[in-house]
Amino acid sequence: MSEKTILVWFRNDLRIHDNEILLEAIRKADKVLPVYCFDPFYFDTTSQGLHKTGNIRVKFLLESVADLRENLRKLGGELIIRVGNPVDVIPQLAQEYQVSEVYHHREVAFEETGISEVVETALWKIKLNLKHFIGHTLYHKEDLPFPIKDIPDSFATFKKKVERDSEVRPCVDTPDQINTPEITDAGTIPTLADLGLTEPTEDPRADFHYLGGETAALQQLHDYIERLDPVQSNKSSKHHNDNPSRLSAWISLGCLSQRMVYHEAVKRTGSTHASGSPLILELQWRDYFRFMFKKYGKQFFNAEGFSEEAPEVSKNQGELFDQWKNGHTGAPFIDAAMHELNATGYINNIKRQVAAAFLINTLKVDWTKGAAWFEQKLIDYSPASNWGNWAFIAGVANDARDNRYFNGVKQAENPETESDFINTWLPDSSDQLVTA
């Protein structure tokens, strides 16, 4: 009797803890073939001339894949790494290693689902099944109190109903062993140069330094949870802005499970609701946008969104967009935020809202340009959260009345003179600061 081999196609689920496809494959198959494919599509330039993925996030991705490979090796396994179109890579490996089935986690944005569809078609041609799993949300789709087509368009209603009628599933077990076939060529992790990108320059003003991978993610979660007030304190929400979790980049790449974050927060604070834990509110927003993308698809990427027409734009929006993205608007808060984003790949949620509102309402620039810029620059970019948030701020979301959750926009009008990022830092031998 021949052995059964399942290929596990890793995408945005770069972890071994709470990873249903990995655990299920180990349980169902004699051998498991873990694969990560660096798809050139994500390292190309867009129609707007922007990088699909900026070098800060790519560096974080490379570190995360390296850490996944190391963690799989500790279990006795290996991670095959390839650079190429997955529609070619996945079927080729499946045939080479006589794979019985391919597992992967389902995505929701149209580009990612499109890639899955073409791979699925290619696998069908060689009589193999691509099995889809749901592993990127806090609440499992099957546990929602409504079908996807009936999910409330209002975030407030969605939040109220899931808190009342749904439960977050426990994390699945972390495997302690994995058996892989004999691998002749595991492949090497590409460099930034291999992917057509330059090495990012570390800005000395950055107050936090990201390291990609599950190992660093679990350490950051532990450090954050330790700083929270203990069970029954109710103080955690008051000090949330002074104690940012900084977990979003690891969550976006799946180095960290949202369910693990939730259960660790509940264990520490004793609260299962957003009212007692701002971190849970953030996780609920991530879920909401993913489910909205599942429900509505590509509409979130259109300038008019769910409205009859797109917001008004200026005639010279190209010039104004360049001023905004480079931090040369003359508005100190905006310029500092954009300098920080461009230099570090991260700004907090308030700064994102304010910068977006300023671009849309004050400069009257097409909001999709701003969303695409954030897509290139953010280290924690995920399609649903980024484009969903921009659509809300532009007032073209499916229920833009939920803007009460988007506060702080008035800060754009306030001068900010204390930020280190008021000035532009030039990374040369003198570490020169230039007035914006």
Protein backbone atom coordinates (compact mmCIF):
# COMPACT_ATOMS: atom_id res chain seq x y z
CA MET A 1 0.00 0.00 0.00
CA SER A 2 1.47 3.34 -1.10
CA GLU A 3 2.06 6.16 1.35
CA LYS A 4 -0.22 9.20 1.34
CA THR A 5 1.50 12.56 0.97
CA ILE A 6 -0.25 15.91 1.48
CA LEU A 7 1.30 19.14 0.22
CA VAL A 8 0.74 22.06 2.63
CA TRP A 9 0.88 25.32 0.69
CA PHE A 10 1.83 28.06 3.15
CA ARG A 11 0.77 31.58 2.24
CA ASN A 12 -0.23 34.02 5.00
CA ASP A 13 -0.14 31.38 7.76
CA LEU A 14 3.57 31.20 8.57
CA ARG A 15 3.38 29.33 11.88
CA ILE A 16 3.16 25.87 13.39
CA HIS A 17 0.94 26.79 16.38
CA ASP A 18 -2.85 26.84 15.87
CA ASN A 19 -2.38 25.91 12.23
CA GLU A 20 -5.25 23.64 11.21
CA ILE A 21 -3.95 22.71 7.77
CA LEU A 22 -0.59 21.59 9.12
CA LEU A 23 -2.11 19.58 11.97
CA GLU A 24 -4.77 18.03 9.73
CA ALA A 25 -2.16 17.06 7.13
CA ILE A 26 0.01 15.42 9.78
CA ARG A 27 -2.98 13.46 11.06
CA LYS A 28 -4.30 12.41 7.66
CA ALA A 29 -1.10 11.65 5.74
CA ASP A 30 1.97 9.46 6.10
CA LYS A 31 4.16 12.29 4.80
CA VAL A 32 3.66 16.06 4.69
CA LEU A 33 5.30 18.31 2.11
CA PRO A 34 5.41 21.95 3.37
CA VAL A 35 5.90 24.49 0.57
CA TYR A 36 6.30 28.26 0.37
CA CYS A 37 6.31 29.98 -3.01
CA PHE A 38 7.60 33.50 -3.55
CA ASP A 39 5.21 34.64 -6.27
CA PRO A 40 6.82 37.33 -8.53
CA PHE A 41 3.38 38.99 -8.77
CA TYR A 42 3.86 40.44 -5.28
CA PHE A 43 7.28 41.90 -6.02
CA ASP A 44 6.37 43.65 -9.26
CA THR A 45 5.24 47.25 -9.76
CA THR A 46 1.57 48.17 -10.03
CA SER A 47 -0.20 50.10 -12.77
CA GLN A 48 0.36 53.21 -10.62
CA GLY A 49 4.12 52.67 -10.69
CA LEU A 50 4.28 51.60 -7.03
CA HIS A 51 5.85 48.47 -5.63
CA LYS A 52 3.23 45.87 -4.81
CA THR A 53 5.22 45.10 -1.67
CA GLY A 54 7.80 47.51 -0.26
CA ASN A 55 11.24 46.41 0.91
CA ILE A 56 10.46 46.78 4.64
CA ARG A 57 7.61 44.28 4.46
CA VAL A 58 9.56 41.97 2.14
CA LYS A 59 12.44 41.88 4.62
CA PHE A 60 9.93 40.96 7.34
CA LEU A 61 8.50 38.25 5.07
CA LEU A 62 11.93 36.76 4.35
CA GLU A 63 12.65 36.61 8.08
CA SER A 64 9.27 34.98 8.70
CA VAL A 65 9.76 32.28 6.07
CA ALA A 66 13.25 31.56 7.44
CA ASP A 67 11.81 31.17 10.93
CA LEU A 68 9.06 28.86 9.66
CA ARG A 69 11.67 26.67 7.97
CA GLU A 70 13.70 26.51 11.18
CA ASN A 71 10.65 25.62 13.28
CA LEU A 72 9.66 22.86 10.85
CA ARG A 73 13.19 21.49 10.96
CA LYS A 74 12.97 21.31 14.76
CA LEU A 75 10.00 18.98 14.27
CA GLY A 76 12.00 16.80 11.89
CA GLY A 77 10.57 18.35 8.75
CA GLU A 78 11.62 20.73 6.00
CA LEU A 79 10.14 23.63 4.05
CA ILE A 80 10.50 23.59 0.28
CA ILE A 81 11.05 27.12 -1.03
CA ARG A 82 10.58 28.18 -4.61
CA VAL A 83 10.48 31.47 -6.51
CA GLY A 84 7.91 31.40 -9.29
CA ASN A 85 4.26 31.40 -10.21
CA PRO A 86 2.40 28.98 -7.89
CA VAL A 87 0.27 27.78 -10.83
CA ASP A 88 3.50 26.22 -12.13
CA VAL A 89 5.27 25.47 -8.85
CA ILE A 90 2.52 23.71 -6.86
CA PRO A 91 1.43 21.18 -9.56
CA GLN A 92 5.07 20.46 -10.45
CA LEU A 93 5.97 19.65 -6.84
CA ALA A 94 2.75 17.69 -6.41
CA GLN A 95 3.69 15.43 -9.31
CA GLU A 96 7.36 15.17 -8.31
CA TYR A 97 6.50 13.98 -4.81
CA GLN A 98 3.40 11.97 -5.79
CA VAL A 99 1.12 14.12 -3.66
CA SER A 100 -2.43 12.92 -2.94
CA GLU A 101 -3.95 16.29 -2.02
CA VAL A 102 -3.02 19.95 -1.50
CA TYR A 103 -4.09 21.98 1.57
CA HIS A 104 -4.15 25.73 1.92
CA HIS A 105 -5.92 28.53 3.80
CA ARG A 106 -8.58 30.40 1.87
CA GLU A 107 -8.06 34.13 1.24
CA VAL A 108 -10.76 36.76 0.62
CA ALA A 109 -9.33 39.58 -1.55
CA PHE A 110 -9.83 39.17 -5.29
CA GLU A 111 -6.15 38.94 -6.25
CA GLU A 112 -5.44 36.24 -3.69
CA THR A 113 -8.59 34.27 -4.47
CA GLY A 114 -7.75 34.57 -8.17
CA ILE A 115 -4.38 32.92 -7.56
CA SER A 116 -6.09 30.11 -5.66
CA GLU A 117 -8.54 29.56 -8.49
CA VAL A 118 -5.89 29.19 -11.19
CA VAL A 119 -3.86 26.83 -8.98
CA GLU A 120 -7.02 24.82 -8.26
CA THR A 121 -7.73 24.55 -11.99
CA ALA A 122 -4.17 23.44 -12.69
CA LEU A 123 -4.40 20.77 -9.97
CA TRP A 124 -7.71 19.50 -11.31
CA LYS A 125 -5.99 18.90 -14.65
CA ILE A 126 -3.71 16.40 -12.92
CA LYS A 127 -6.63 15.01 -10.90
CA LEU A 128 -5.66 16.53 -7.56
CA ASN A 129 -7.87 18.40 -5.10
CA LEU A 130 -7.04 21.76 -3.52
CA LYS A 131 -8.68 21.66 -0.10
CA HIS A 132 -9.57 25.04 1.39
CA PHE A 133 -9.40 25.81 5.12
CA ILE A 134 -10.47 28.91 7.06
CA GLY A 135 -7.67 30.01 9.36
CA HIS A 136 -7.30 33.78 9.26
CA THR A 137 -10.19 34.93 11.44
CA LEU A 138 -10.98 35.16 15.12
CA TYR A 139 -14.49 33.74 14.73
CA HIS A 140 -14.84 30.71 12.49
CA LYS A 141 -17.27 31.27 9.62
CA GLU A 142 -19.36 28.31 10.72
CA ASP A 143 -19.77 29.78 14.22
CA LEU A 144 -21.18 33.13 13.10
CA PRO A 145 -24.82 33.80 14.04
CA PHE A 146 -25.60 34.56 10.39
CA PRO A 147 -24.55 33.29 6.94
CA ILE A 148 -21.95 35.33 5.07
CA LYS A 149 -24.57 36.83 2.72
CA ASP A 150 -26.52 38.16 5.73
CA ILE A 151 -23.62 39.55 7.77
CA PRO A 152 -24.65 43.02 9.05
CA ASP A 153 -23.08 45.83 7.06
CA SER A 154 -22.79 47.81 10.29
CA PHE A 155 -19.71 46.98 12.33
CA ALA A 156 -21.53 47.93 15.53
CA THR A 157 -24.27 45.37 14.79
CA PHE A 158 -21.73 42.73 13.74
CA LYS A 159 -19.77 43.27 16.95
CA LYS A 160 -22.84 43.11 19.18
CA LYS A 161 -24.13 39.89 17.63
CA VAL A 162 -20.87 37.96 17.58
CA GLU A 163 -20.12 38.90 21.18
CA ARG A 164 -23.57 37.77 22.23
CA ASP A 165 -24.06 34.67 20.07
CA SER A 166 -20.64 33.36 19.00
CA GLU A 167 -17.64 31.89 20.74
CA VAL A 168 -14.00 31.89 19.75
CA ARG A 169 -12.82 28.35 19.21
CA PRO A 170 -9.85 27.04 21.21
CA CYS A 171 -6.52 26.84 19.44
CA VAL A 172 -5.70 23.55 17.76
CA ASP A 173 -2.72 21.57 19.03
CA THR A 174 0.83 22.36 18.00
CA PRO A 175 2.41 19.30 16.36
CA ASP A 176 5.47 17.78 18.00
CA GLN A 177 6.68 15.90 14.94
CA ILE A 178 6.40 16.03 11.17
CA ASN A 179 7.46 13.47 8.57
CA THR A 180 8.40 14.79 5.15
CA PRO A 181 9.35 12.83 2.04
CA GLU A 182 13.01 12.66 1.12
CA ILE A 183 13.57 16.12 -0.35
CA THR A 184 16.27 16.43 -2.99
CA ASP A 185 16.18 20.21 -3.38
CA ALA A 186 14.61 22.25 -0.55
CA GLY A 187 15.58 25.51 -2.24
CA THR A 188 17.08 28.66 -0.78
CA ILE A 189 15.39 31.76 0.57
CA PRO A 190 15.82 34.58 -1.96
CA THR A 191 17.46 37.86 -1.05
CA LEU A 192 15.85 41.26 -1.44
CA ALA A 193 18.08 41.78 -4.50
CA ASP A 194 16.82 38.51 -5.98
CA LEU A 195 13.29 39.94 -5.72
CA GLY A 196 14.31 43.26 -7.29
CA LEU A 197 14.37 45.29 -4.07
CA THR A 198 17.00 47.16 -2.10
CA GLU A 199 17.89 46.67 1.55
CA PRO A 200 15.87 49.07 3.75
CA THR A 201 17.89 51.57 5.76
CA GLU A 202 17.20 51.47 9.47
CA ASP A 203 16.02 54.86 10.73
CA PRO A 204 17.60 55.82 14.09
CA ARG A 205 14.35 57.49 15.20
CA ALA A 206 12.35 54.25 15.15
CA ASP A 207 11.15 53.30 18.64
CA PHE A 208 10.45 49.66 17.73
CA HIS A 209 12.24 47.13 15.58
CA TYR A 210 10.36 44.28 13.92
CA LEU A 211 11.81 40.82 13.42
CA GLY A 212 9.76 38.50 11.25
CA GLY A 213 8.67 35.02 12.26
CA GLU A 214 6.61 33.00 14.68
CA THR A 215 9.36 32.93 17.32
CA ALA A 216 9.53 36.71 17.57
CA ALA A 217 5.72 36.93 17.36
CA LEU A 218 5.19 34.68 20.37
CA GLN A 219 7.77 36.62 22.34
CA GLN A 220 6.09 39.94 21.49
CA LEU A 221 2.70 38.51 22.50
CA HIS A 222 4.15 37.33 25.81
CA ASP A 223 5.76 40.72 26.50
CA TYR A 224 2.55 42.57 25.66
CA ILE A 225 0.33 40.32 27.78
CA GLU A 226 2.71 40.70 30.72
CA ARG A 227 2.26 44.47 30.54
CA LEU A 228 -1.53 44.23 30.71
CA ASP A 229 -3.34 44.67 34.00
CA PRO A 230 -4.29 41.29 35.45
CA VAL A 231 -7.71 39.61 35.71
CA GLN A 232 -10.67 41.78 36.78
CA SER A 233 -8.63 44.99 36.65
CA ASN A 234 -10.62 46.91 33.96
CA LYS A 235 -7.66 49.25 33.54
CA SER A 236 -6.37 47.72 30.33
CA SER A 237 -8.47 49.90 28.04
CA LYS A 238 -7.38 53.11 29.75
CA HIS A 239 -3.73 52.46 29.10
CA HIS A 240 -4.02 50.86 25.68
CA ASN A 241 -2.52 53.81 23.83
CA ASP A 242 0.46 53.71 26.20
CA ASN A 243 0.84 49.99 25.67
CA PRO A 244 0.40 49.24 21.95
CA SER A 245 0.50 45.55 21.14
CA ARG A 246 2.49 45.93 17.89
CA LEU A 247 1.18 42.49 16.90
CA SER A 248 -0.46 43.45 13.60
CA ALA A 249 2.50 42.68 11.32
CA TRP A 250 2.82 39.13 12.66
CA ILE A 251 -0.95 38.60 12.52
CA SER A 252 -1.08 39.78 8.90
CA LEU A 253 1.47 37.18 7.79
CA GLY A 254 -0.05 34.54 10.01
CA CYS A 255 3.04 34.23 12.19
CA LEU A 256 0.60 34.66 15.05
CA SER A 257 -2.89 33.22 15.41
CA GLN A 258 -5.68 35.65 16.25
CA ARG A 259 -7.27 32.98 18.41
CA MET A 260 -4.12 32.64 20.47
CA VAL A 261 -3.95 36.42 20.91
CA TYR A 262 -7.59 36.45 22.02
CA HIS A 263 -7.29 33.59 24.50
CA GLU A 264 -4.10 34.99 26.02
CA ALA A 265 -5.74 38.42 26.42
CA VAL A 266 -8.85 36.87 28.01
CA LYS A 267 -6.73 34.80 30.36
CA ARG A 268 -4.89 37.93 31.49
CA THR A 269 -7.73 40.48 31.67
CA GLY A 270 -10.73 38.27 32.34
CA SER A 271 -12.72 40.08 29.63
CA THR A 272 -14.13 38.38 26.53
CA HIS A 273 -15.57 41.63 25.09
CA ALA A 274 -14.07 44.62 23.34
CA SER A 275 -15.34 46.90 26.10
CA GLY A 276 -12.80 45.33 28.44
CA SER A 277 -10.00 44.84 25.94
CA PRO A 278 -9.17 47.22 23.08
CA LEU A 279 -7.06 44.43 21.60
CA ILE A 280 -10.20 42.33 21.13
CA LEU A 281 -11.84 45.29 19.38
CA GLU A 282 -8.94 45.38 16.93
CA LEU A 283 -9.31 41.65 16.26
CA GLN A 284 -13.04 42.10 15.68
CA TRP A 285 -12.38 44.85 13.13
CA ARG A 286 -9.99 42.51 11.28
CA ASP A 287 -12.69 39.82 11.21
CA TYR A 288 -15.36 42.27 10.10
CA PHE A 289 -13.37 43.48 7.11
CA ARG A 290 -12.42 39.94 6.05
CA PHE A 291 -16.06 38.85 6.17
CA MET A 292 -17.13 42.00 4.31
CA PHE A 293 -14.60 41.16 1.58
CA LYS A 294 -16.00 37.64 1.47
CA LYS A 295 -19.49 39.10 1.11
CA TYR A 296 -18.83 41.91 -1.37
CA GLY A 297 -15.60 41.04 -3.14
CA LYS A 298 -14.00 43.62 -5.40
CA GLN A 299 -16.25 46.59 -4.54
CA PHE A 300 -13.87 47.75 -1.82
CA PHE A 301 -11.21 48.46 -4.46
CA ASN A 302 -13.35 50.79 -6.58
CA ALA A 303 -13.12 54.55 -6.08
CA GLU A 304 -16.91 54.82 -5.77
CA GLY A 305 -17.04 51.84 -3.39
CA PHE A 306 -20.66 51.24 -2.43
CA SER A 307 -21.74 54.76 -3.39
CA GLU A 308 -23.16 56.09 -6.62
CA GLU A 309 -20.03 58.12 -7.29
CA ALA A 310 -16.49 58.56 -6.02
CA PRO A 311 -15.54 61.50 -3.74
CA GLU A 312 -14.63 64.77 -5.43
CA VAL A 313 -10.99 65.07 -6.50
CA SER A 314 -8.73 68.04 -7.27
CA LYS A 315 -7.48 68.80 -10.77
CA ASN A 316 -3.85 68.73 -9.58
CA GLN A 317 -4.21 65.60 -7.48
CA GLY A 318 -1.00 64.07 -8.84
CA GLU A 319 1.05 66.92 -7.39
CA LEU A 320 -0.91 66.90 -4.13
CA PHE A 321 -0.51 63.13 -3.78
CA ASP A 322 3.26 63.44 -4.17
CA GLN A 323 3.32 66.10 -1.44
CA TRP A 324 1.28 63.87 0.85
CA LYS A 325 3.19 60.63 0.32
CA ASN A 326 6.55 62.37 0.79
CA GLY A 327 5.43 64.33 3.86
CA HIS A 328 5.63 67.77 2.24
CA THR A 329 2.11 69.07 2.85
CA GLY A 330 3.07 71.73 5.40
CA ALA A 331 0.74 70.17 8.00
CA PRO A 332 3.13 69.03 10.76
CA PHE A 333 1.05 66.10 12.02
CA ILE A 334 0.54 64.72 8.51
CA ASP A 335 4.12 65.21 7.44
CA ALA A 336 5.48 63.59 10.60
CA ALA A 337 3.16 60.61 10.13
CA MET A 338 4.20 60.12 6.50
CA HIS A 339 7.90 60.45 7.29
CA GLU A 340 7.46 57.79 9.98
CA LEU A 341 5.52 55.49 7.66
CA ASN A 342 8.06 55.80 4.84
CA ALA A 343 11.01 55.28 7.18
CA THR A 344 9.71 52.46 9.37
CA GLY A 345 6.76 50.82 7.60
CA TYR A 346 4.48 51.51 10.54
CA ILE A 347 2.26 54.22 12.02
CA ASN A 348 -0.44 53.71 14.62
CA ASN A 349 -4.12 53.55 13.75
CA ILE A 350 -4.90 57.16 14.69
CA LYS A 351 -2.15 58.45 12.39
CA ARG A 352 -3.44 56.23 9.58
CA GLN A 353 -6.95 57.62 9.95
CA VAL A 354 -5.77 61.22 10.14
CA ALA A 355 -3.41 60.92 7.17
CA ALA A 356 -6.13 59.25 5.10
CA ALA A 357 -8.79 61.82 6.02
CA PHE A 358 -6.39 64.66 5.17
CA LEU A 359 -5.63 63.19 1.73
CA ILE A 360 -9.30 62.63 0.95
CA ASN A 361 -11.04 65.63 2.52
CA THR A 362 -8.42 68.38 2.52
CA LEU A 363 -6.29 67.62 -0.52
CA LYS A 364 -9.17 65.92 -2.38
CA VAL A 365 -7.03 63.18 -3.87
CA ASP A 366 -8.43 59.86 -5.09
CA TRP A 367 -8.47 57.69 -1.96
CA THR A 368 -7.39 54.60 -3.86
CA LYS A 369 -3.99 56.25 -4.44
CA GLY A 370 -3.54 56.54 -0.70
CA ALA A 371 -4.65 52.96 -0.13
CA ALA A 372 -2.14 51.75 -2.74
CA TRP A 373 0.63 53.77 -1.06
CA PHE A 374 -0.19 52.18 2.28
CA GLU A 375 -0.22 48.79 0.54
CA GLN A 376 3.36 49.34 -0.57
CA LYS A 377 4.64 50.81 2.68
CA LEU A 378 2.89 49.11 5.61
CA ILE A 379 4.75 46.27 7.26
CA ASP A 380 1.40 44.97 8.55
CA TYR A 381 -0.53 45.33 5.30
CA SER A 382 -3.46 43.01 4.72
CA PRO A 383 -5.88 43.68 1.84
CA ALA A 384 -9.15 43.61 3.79
CA SER A 385 -8.02 45.79 6.70
CA ASN A 386 -6.23 48.34 4.53
CA TRP A 387 -8.76 48.79 1.73
CA GLY A 388 -11.70 48.39 4.09
CA ASN A 389 -10.42 51.14 6.37
CA TRP A 390 -9.73 53.50 3.47
CA ALA A 391 -13.21 52.94 2.05
CA PHE A 392 -14.73 53.79 5.43
CA ILE A 393 -12.74 56.99 5.78
CA ALA A 394 -13.58 57.96 2.18
CA GLY A 395 -17.28 57.54 3.03
CA VAL A 396 -17.84 54.93 0.32
CA ALA A 397 -17.98 51.83 2.53
CA ASN A 398 -21.01 49.59 2.71
CA ASP A 399 -22.01 51.29 5.99
CA ALA A 400 -19.86 54.37 6.52
CA ARG A 401 -21.99 55.47 9.48
CA ASP A 402 -19.70 53.46 11.74
CA ASN A 403 -17.26 56.36 11.71
CA ARG A 404 -17.72 56.72 15.45
CA TYR A 405 -15.04 54.05 15.69
CA PHE A 406 -12.70 56.22 13.62
CA ASN A 407 -11.73 59.03 15.94
CA GLY A 408 -8.91 61.51 16.08
CA VAL A 409 -9.27 62.97 12.60
CA LYS A 410 -9.30 66.51 13.98
CA GLN A 411 -5.70 66.03 15.09
CA ALA A 412 -4.63 66.77 11.52
CA GLU A 413 -5.45 70.40 12.19
CA ASN A 414 -3.26 70.54 15.28
CA PRO A 415 0.43 71.43 14.96
CA GLU A 416 2.79 68.71 16.14
CA THR A 417 6.20 69.98 17.12
CA GLU A 418 7.57 67.21 19.34
CA SER A 419 7.69 64.30 16.91
CA ASP A 420 11.14 63.12 15.82
CA PHE A 421 9.61 62.61 12.38
CA ILE A 422 8.79 66.29 11.77
CA ASN A 423 12.01 66.38 9.79
CA THR A 424 13.09 64.11 6.96
CA TRP A 425 16.11 61.95 7.77
CA LEU A 426 18.60 61.35 4.98
CA PRO A 427 20.54 58.11 5.49
CA ASP A 428 24.01 59.35 4.61
CA SER A 429 27.27 59.42 6.52
CA SER A 430 26.27 62.46 8.54
CA ASP A 431 22.79 61.15 9.48
CA GLN A 432 21.49 64.46 8.24
CA LEU A 433 18.09 65.82 9.21
CA VAL A 434 16.39 68.05 6.67
CA THR A 435 13.48 70.34 7.49
CA ALA A 436 10.38 69.13 5.69
